[in-house]
């Protein structure tokens, strides 16, 4: 049975926690990548009311922003701060993390996710889903088998052999057999005349 996109996505809902952990790790990797490209050494977070700003400090000071923007994606400053504080245990409204600290936290979080049972179950579910999709695609693309030329010729010959021979109009099959036989009396008459002659 063909599955729908809704059903396929629904099979991953049970693994939502693992997917969110992976998303968080990728957001930290986005911060690390941005700092590496800019040669930044420190990420400074400031909480003001309900908002959070991020300033990257290194070769040049970046203006405070509430969202980190990179060609590979975006991440909010509040989400990044929450993740870094959750991993490091460091609290406060004004917090700075060095590039080395961020790299260590990303490595630790990645190892934790890779060693988890949740990731193993998610991987098994994805492999099973991919296998079912491949079977569905194969079933949809398989060509319909058609008989070859030799088989079609044999079938046509068999049909001809099974057809009844229709007698010629006005002549029955018995009459045709009689007409095909030579007249014995006529043959004998001709033989007698030859002898008398």
C-alpha atoms as a PDB file:
ATOM      1  CA  UNK A   1       0.000   0.000   0.000  1.00  0.00           C
ATOM      2  CA  UNK A   2       1.336   3.423  -0.946  1.00  0.00           C
ATOM      3  CA  UNK A   3       2.010   5.730   2.000  1.00  0.00           C
ATOM      4  CA  UNK A   4       1.195   9.442   1.947  1.00  0.00           C
ATOM      5  CA  UNK A   5       3.565  12.260   2.982  1.00  0.00           C
ATOM      6  CA  UNK A   6       1.417  12.809   6.093  1.00  0.00           C
ATOM      7  CA  UNK A   7       1.756   9.162   7.133  1.00  0.00           C
ATOM      8  CA  UNK A   8       5.492   9.137   6.489  1.00  0.00           C
ATOM      9  CA  UNK A   9       6.021  12.280   8.565  1.00  0.00           C
ATOM     10  CA  UNK A  10       3.770  10.905  11.282  1.00  0.00           C
ATOM     11  CA  UNK A  11       6.083   7.938  11.722  1.00  0.00           C
ATOM     12  CA  UNK A  12       8.782  10.349  12.937  1.00  0.00           C
ATOM     13  CA  UNK A  13       6.672  12.057  15.607  1.00  0.00           C
ATOM     14  CA  UNK A  14       7.724   9.442  18.158  1.00  0.00           C
ATOM     15  CA  UNK A  15      11.333  10.590  17.625  1.00  0.00           C
ATOM     16  CA  UNK A  16      10.616  14.300  18.020  1.00  0.00           C
ATOM     17  CA  UNK A  17      12.803  14.713  21.125  1.00  0.00           C
ATOM     18  CA  UNK A  18      15.842  13.331  19.306  1.00  0.00           C
ATOM     19  CA  UNK A  19      15.150  15.510  16.276  1.00  0.00           C
ATOM     20  CA  UNK A  20      14.968  18.618  18.499  1.00  0.00           C
ATOM     21  CA  UNK A  21      18.310  17.710  20.094  1.00  0.00           C
ATOM     22  CA  UNK A  22      19.840  17.416  16.635  1.00  0.00           C
ATOM     23  CA  UNK A  23      18.332  20.772  15.666  1.00  0.00           C
ATOM     24  CA  UNK A  24      19.856  22.413  18.754  1.00  0.00           C
ATOM     25  CA  UNK A  25      23.274  20.947  17.999  1.00  0.00           C
ATOM     26  CA  UNK A  26      23.076  22.217  14.433  1.00  0.00           C
ATOM     27  CA  UNK A  27      22.258  25.719  15.666  1.00  0.00           C
ATOM     28  CA  UNK A  28      25.369  25.712  17.847  1.00  0.00           C
ATOM     29  CA  UNK A  29      27.376  24.496  14.850  1.00  0.00           C
ATOM     30  CA  UNK A  30      25.981  27.456  12.920  1.00  0.00           C
ATOM     31  CA  UNK A  31      27.304  29.797  15.635  1.00  0.00           C
ATOM     32  CA  UNK A  32      30.685  28.048  15.562  1.00  0.00           C
ATOM     33  CA  UNK A  33      30.868  28.282  11.755  1.00  0.00           C
ATOM     34  CA  UNK A  34      30.002  31.973  11.756  1.00  0.00           C
ATOM     35  CA  UNK A  35      32.622  32.743  14.420  1.00  0.00           C
ATOM     36  CA  UNK A  36      35.272  30.722  12.576  1.00  0.00           C
ATOM     37  CA  UNK A  37      34.679  32.541   9.298  1.00  0.00           C
ATOM     38  CA  UNK A  38      34.786  35.957  11.018  1.00  0.00           C
ATOM     39  CA  UNK A  39      37.714  34.895  13.225  1.00  0.00           C
ATOM     40  CA  UNK A  40      35.698  35.786  16.310  1.00  0.00           C
ATOM     41  CA  UNK A  41      36.962  34.728  19.728  1.00  0.00           C
ATOM     42  CA  UNK A  42      33.985  35.479  21.977  1.00  0.00           C
ATOM     43  CA  UNK A  43      30.202  35.321  21.783  1.00  0.00           C
ATOM     44  CA  UNK A  44      28.659  37.825  24.206  1.00  0.00           C
ATOM     45  CA  UNK A  45      25.004  37.387  25.176  1.00  0.00           C
ATOM     46  CA  UNK A  46      22.951  40.041  26.972  1.00  0.00           C
ATOM     47  CA  UNK A  47      19.473  39.501  28.312  1.00  0.00           C
ATOM     48  CA  UNK A  48      17.360  42.643  28.424  1.00  0.00           C
ATOM     49  CA  UNK A  49      13.851  42.043  29.654  1.00  0.00           C
ATOM     50  CA  UNK A  50      12.469  39.178  27.595  1.00  0.00           C
ATOM     51  CA  UNK A  51      14.869  39.718  24.705  1.00  0.00           C
ATOM     52  CA  UNK A  52      18.416  38.475  24.174  1.00  0.00           C
ATOM     53  CA  UNK A  53      21.110  40.000  21.990  1.00  0.00           C
ATOM     54  CA  UNK A  54      24.297  38.440  20.656  1.00  0.00           C
ATOM     55  CA  UNK A  55      27.535  40.258  19.918  1.00  0.00           C
ATOM     56  CA  UNK A  56      30.448  38.492  18.234  1.00  0.00           C
ATOM     57  CA  UNK A  57      33.846  39.838  19.272  1.00  0.00           C
ATOM     58  CA  UNK A  58      37.063  39.194  17.381  1.00  0.00           C
ATOM     59  CA  UNK A  59      38.869  40.877  14.511  1.00  0.00           C
ATOM     60  CA  UNK A  60      35.949  43.245  14.349  1.00  0.00           C
ATOM     61  CA  UNK A  61      33.088  43.939  16.719  1.00  0.00           C
ATOM     62  CA  UNK A  62      29.673  42.936  15.351  1.00  0.00           C
ATOM     63  CA  UNK A  63      26.618  44.971  16.218  1.00  0.00           C
ATOM     64  CA  UNK A  64      24.319  43.333  18.767  1.00  0.00           C
ATOM     65  CA  UNK A  65      21.609  41.282  17.099  1.00  0.00           C
ATOM     66  CA  UNK A  66      18.681  39.198  18.254  1.00  0.00           C
ATOM     67  CA  UNK A  67      19.236  36.671  15.465  1.00  0.00           C
ATOM     68  CA  UNK A  68      22.360  35.104  14.043  1.00  0.00           C
ATOM     69  CA  UNK A  69      22.181  35.139  10.252  1.00  0.00           C
ATOM     70  CA  UNK A  70      24.398  32.998   8.055  1.00  0.00           C
ATOM     71  CA  UNK A  71      24.140  31.637   4.528  1.00  0.00           C
ATOM     72  CA  UNK A  72      23.714  28.157   6.067  1.00  0.00           C
ATOM     73  CA  UNK A  73      20.737  29.238   8.177  1.00  0.00           C
ATOM     74  CA  UNK A  74      19.565  31.365  11.089  1.00  0.00           C
ATOM     75  CA  UNK A  75      19.330  30.956  14.871  1.00  0.00           C
ATOM     76  CA  UNK A  76      17.834  33.223  17.502  1.00  0.00           C
ATOM     77  CA  UNK A  77      20.154  34.622  20.181  1.00  0.00           C
ATOM     78  CA  UNK A  78      17.766  33.539  22.950  1.00  0.00           C
ATOM     79  CA  UNK A  79      17.774  29.906  21.697  1.00  0.00           C
ATOM     80  CA  UNK A  80      21.575  29.865  21.476  1.00  0.00           C
ATOM     81  CA  UNK A  81      21.941  31.283  24.993  1.00  0.00           C
ATOM     82  CA  UNK A  82      19.472  28.770  26.399  1.00  0.00           C
ATOM     83  CA  UNK A  83      21.354  25.879  24.813  1.00  0.00           C
ATOM     84  CA  UNK A  84      24.790  27.078  25.944  1.00  0.00           C
ATOM     85  CA  UNK A  85      23.594  27.716  29.487  1.00  0.00           C
ATOM     86  CA  UNK A  86      21.867  24.345  29.605  1.00  0.00           C
ATOM     87  CA  UNK A  87      25.050  22.497  28.595  1.00  0.00           C
ATOM     88  CA  UNK A  88      27.542  24.568  30.595  1.00  0.00           C
ATOM     89  CA  UNK A  89      25.421  25.286  33.648  1.00  0.00           C
ATOM     90  CA  UNK A  90      26.536  28.943  33.531  1.00  0.00           C
ATOM     91  CA  UNK A  91      23.740  31.360  34.456  1.00  0.00           C
ATOM     92  CA  UNK A  92      23.354  35.099  34.262  1.00  0.00           C
ATOM     93  CA  UNK A  93      21.979  37.865  32.075  1.00  0.00           C
ATOM     94  CA  UNK A  94      25.368  38.869  30.677  1.00  0.00           C
ATOM     95  CA  UNK A  95      27.306  35.787  29.634  1.00  0.00           C
ATOM     96  CA  UNK A  96      30.306  35.353  27.339  1.00  0.00           C
ATOM     97  CA  UNK A  97      31.515  32.085  25.798  1.00  0.00           C
ATOM     98  CA  UNK A  98      34.837  31.675  24.045  1.00  0.00           C
ATOM     99  CA  UNK A  99      35.111  29.891  20.714  1.00  0.00           C
ATOM    100  CA  UNK A 100      36.997  27.075  22.475  1.00  0.00           C
ATOM    101  CA  UNK A 101      34.214  26.599  25.034  1.00  0.00           C
ATOM    102  CA  UNK A 102      31.578  26.505  22.313  1.00  0.00           C
ATOM    103  CA  UNK A 103      33.573  23.900  20.363  1.00  0.00           C
ATOM    104  CA  UNK A 104      33.896  21.694  23.458  1.00  0.00           C
ATOM    105  CA  UNK A 105      30.174  21.938  24.210  1.00  0.00           C
ATOM    106  CA  UNK A 106      29.260  21.046  20.642  1.00  0.00           C
ATOM    107  CA  UNK A 107      31.548  17.992  20.785  1.00  0.00           C
ATOM    108  CA  UNK A 108      30.047  16.863  24.099  1.00  0.00           C
ATOM    109  CA  UNK A 109      26.475  17.327  22.900  1.00  0.00           C
ATOM    110  CA  UNK A 110      27.164  15.510  19.622  1.00  0.00           C
ATOM    111  CA  UNK A 111      28.692  12.527  21.422  1.00  0.00           C
ATOM    112  CA  UNK A 112      25.757  12.368  23.800  1.00  0.00           C
ATOM    113  CA  UNK A 113      23.258  12.307  20.934  1.00  0.00           C
ATOM    114  CA  UNK A 114      25.233   9.729  18.937  1.00  0.00           C
ATOM    115  CA  UNK A 115      25.408   7.382  21.958  1.00  0.00           C
ATOM    116  CA  UNK A 116      21.709   7.680  22.792  1.00  0.00           C
ATOM    117  CA  UNK A 117      19.093   4.977  22.258  1.00  0.00           C
ATOM    118  CA  UNK A 118      16.838   7.646  20.791  1.00  0.00           C
ATOM    119  CA  UNK A 119      19.155   8.185  17.821  1.00  0.00           C
ATOM    120  CA  UNK A 120      19.430   4.424  17.252  1.00  0.00           C
ATOM    121  CA  UNK A 121      15.632   4.123  17.151  1.00  0.00           C
ATOM    122  CA  UNK A 122      15.363   7.134  14.843  1.00  0.00           C
ATOM    123  CA  UNK A 123      17.975   5.663  12.513  1.00  0.00           C
ATOM    124  CA  UNK A 124      16.125   2.320  12.381  1.00  0.00           C
ATOM    125  CA  UNK A 125      12.837   4.101  11.628  1.00  0.00           C
ATOM    126  CA  UNK A 126      14.440   6.112   8.817  1.00  0.00           C
ATOM    127  CA  UNK A 127      16.023   3.022   7.246  1.00  0.00           C
ATOM    128  CA  UNK A 128      12.695   1.170   7.362  1.00  0.00           C
ATOM    129  CA  UNK A 129      10.919   4.160   5.829  1.00  0.00           C
ATOM    130  CA  UNK A 130      13.482   4.446   3.031  1.00  0.00           C
ATOM    131  CA  UNK A 131      13.150   0.718   2.329  1.00  0.00           C
ATOM    132  CA  UNK A 132       9.369   0.987   1.986  1.00  0.00           C
ATOM    133  CA  UNK A 133       9.709   4.004  -0.299  1.00  0.00           C
ATOM    134  CA  UNK A 134      12.156   2.128  -2.537  1.00  0.00           C
ATOM    135  CA  UNK A 135       9.717  -0.792  -2.796  1.00  0.00           C
ATOM    136  CA  UNK A 136       6.864   1.559  -3.717  1.00  0.00           C
ATOM    137  CA  UNK A 137       8.943   3.313  -6.374  1.00  0.00           C
ATOM    138  CA  UNK A 138      10.075  -0.022  -7.805  1.00  0.00           C
ATOM    139  CA  UNK A 139       6.493  -1.288  -7.959  1.00  0.00           C
ATOM    140  CA  UNK A 140       5.360   1.876  -9.761  1.00  0.00           C
ATOM    141  CA  UNK A 141       8.196   1.831 -12.317  1.00  0.00           C
ATOM    142  CA  UNK A 142       8.261  -1.888 -13.195  1.00  0.00           C
ATOM    143  CA  UNK A 143       7.325  -2.357 -16.903  1.00  0.00           C
ATOM    144  CA  UNK A 144       4.262  -4.427 -17.708  1.00  0.00           C
ATOM    145  CA  UNK A 145       5.464  -7.757 -19.138  1.00  0.00           C
ATOM    146  CA  UNK A 146       4.336  -8.387 -22.723  1.00  0.00           C
ATOM    147  CA  UNK A 147       4.695 -11.634 -24.721  1.00  0.00           C
ATOM    148  CA  UNK A 148       7.574 -11.718 -27.167  1.00  0.00           C
ATOM    149  CA  UNK A 149       7.187 -12.100 -30.917  1.00  0.00           C
ATOM    150  CA  UNK A 150       7.625 -15.898 -30.780  1.00  0.00           C
ATOM    151  CA  UNK A 151       4.877 -16.292 -28.209  1.00  0.00           C
ATOM    152  CA  UNK A 152       2.498 -14.092 -30.205  1.00  0.00           C
ATOM    153  CA  UNK A 153       3.171 -16.155 -33.369  1.00  0.00           C
ATOM    154  CA  UNK A 154       2.483 -19.412 -31.523  1.00  0.00           C
ATOM    155  CA  UNK A 155      -0.748 -18.029 -30.119  1.00  0.00           C
ATOM    156  CA  UNK A 156      -1.874 -16.921 -33.604  1.00  0.00           C
ATOM    157  CA  UNK A 157      -1.076 -20.362 -35.080  1.00  0.00           C
ATOM    158  CA  UNK A 158      -3.031 -22.075 -32.311  1.00  0.00           C
ATOM    159  CA  UNK A 159      -6.043 -19.856 -32.953  1.00  0.00           C
ATOM    160  CA  UNK A 160      -5.982 -20.680 -36.670  1.00  0.00           C
ATOM    161  CA  UNK A 161      -5.741 -24.412 -35.952  1.00  0.00           C
ATOM    162  CA  UNK A 162      -8.756 -24.223 -33.672  1.00  0.00           C
ATOM    163  CA  UNK A 163     -10.943 -22.448 -36.200  1.00  0.00           C
ATOM    164  CA  UNK A 164     -13.558 -24.659 -37.928  1.00  0.00           C
ATOM    165  CA  UNK A 165     -13.176 -25.110 -41.676  1.00  0.00           C
ATOM    166  CA  UNK A 166     -16.209 -23.523 -43.295  1.00  0.00           C
ATOM    167  CA  UNK A 167     -17.475 -25.580 -46.298  1.00  0.00           C
ATOM    168  CA  UNK A 168     -17.942 -23.886 -49.618  1.00  0.00           C
ATOM    169  CA  UNK A 169     -21.383 -22.490 -50.186  1.00  0.00           C
ATOM    170  CA  UNK A 170     -23.884 -25.134 -51.416  1.00  0.00           C
ATOM    171  CA  UNK A 171     -21.453 -28.047 -50.969  1.00  0.00           C
ATOM    172  CA  UNK A 172     -21.455 -30.209 -47.881  1.00  0.00           C
ATOM    173  CA  UNK A 173     -18.267 -31.830 -46.582  1.00  0.00           C
ATOM    174  CA  UNK A 174     -19.676 -35.287 -47.574  1.00  0.00           C
ATOM    175  CA  UNK A 175     -20.256 -34.112 -51.159  1.00  0.00           C
ATOM    176  CA  UNK A 176     -16.713 -32.794 -51.350  1.00  0.00           C
ATOM    177  CA  UNK A 177     -15.305 -36.145 -50.241  1.00  0.00           C
ATOM    178  CA  UNK A 178     -17.454 -38.004 -52.871  1.00  0.00           C
ATOM    179  CA  UNK A 179     -16.400 -35.614 -55.595  1.00  0.00           C
ATOM    180  CA  UNK A 180     -12.780 -36.179 -54.746  1.00  0.00           C
ATOM    181  CA  UNK A 181     -13.051 -39.970 -55.206  1.00  0.00           C
ATOM    182  CA  UNK A 182     -12.703 -41.371 -58.814  1.00  0.00           C
ATOM    183  CA  UNK A 183     -15.787 -43.060 -60.411  1.00  0.00           C
ATOM    184  CA  UNK A 184     -15.024 -46.803 -60.360  1.00  0.00           C
ATOM    185  CA  UNK A 185     -17.604 -47.720 -63.055  1.00  0.00           C
ATOM    186  CA  UNK A 186     -16.252 -45.057 -65.385  1.00  0.00           C
ATOM    187  CA  UNK A 187     -12.728 -46.393 -64.971  1.00  0.00           C
ATOM    188  CA  UNK A 188     -13.847 -49.987 -65.595  1.00  0.00           C
ATOM    189  CA  UNK A 189     -15.723 -48.971 -68.773  1.00  0.00           C
ATOM    190  CA  UNK A 190     -12.659 -47.362 -70.242  1.00  0.00           C
ATOM    191  CA  UNK A 191     -10.587 -50.461 -69.480  1.00  0.00           C
ATOM    192  CA  UNK A 192     -13.132 -52.771 -71.282  1.00  0.00           C
ATOM    193  CA  UNK A 193     -13.108 -50.624 -74.415  1.00  0.00           C
ATOM    194  CA  UNK A 194      -9.313 -50.730 -74.573  1.00  0.00           C
ATOM    195  CA  UNK A 195      -9.329 -54.560 -74.475  1.00  0.00           C
ATOM    196  CA  UNK A 196     -12.033 -54.943 -77.164  1.00  0.00           C
ATOM    197  CA  UNK A 197     -10.225 -52.585 -79.408  1.00  0.00           C
END
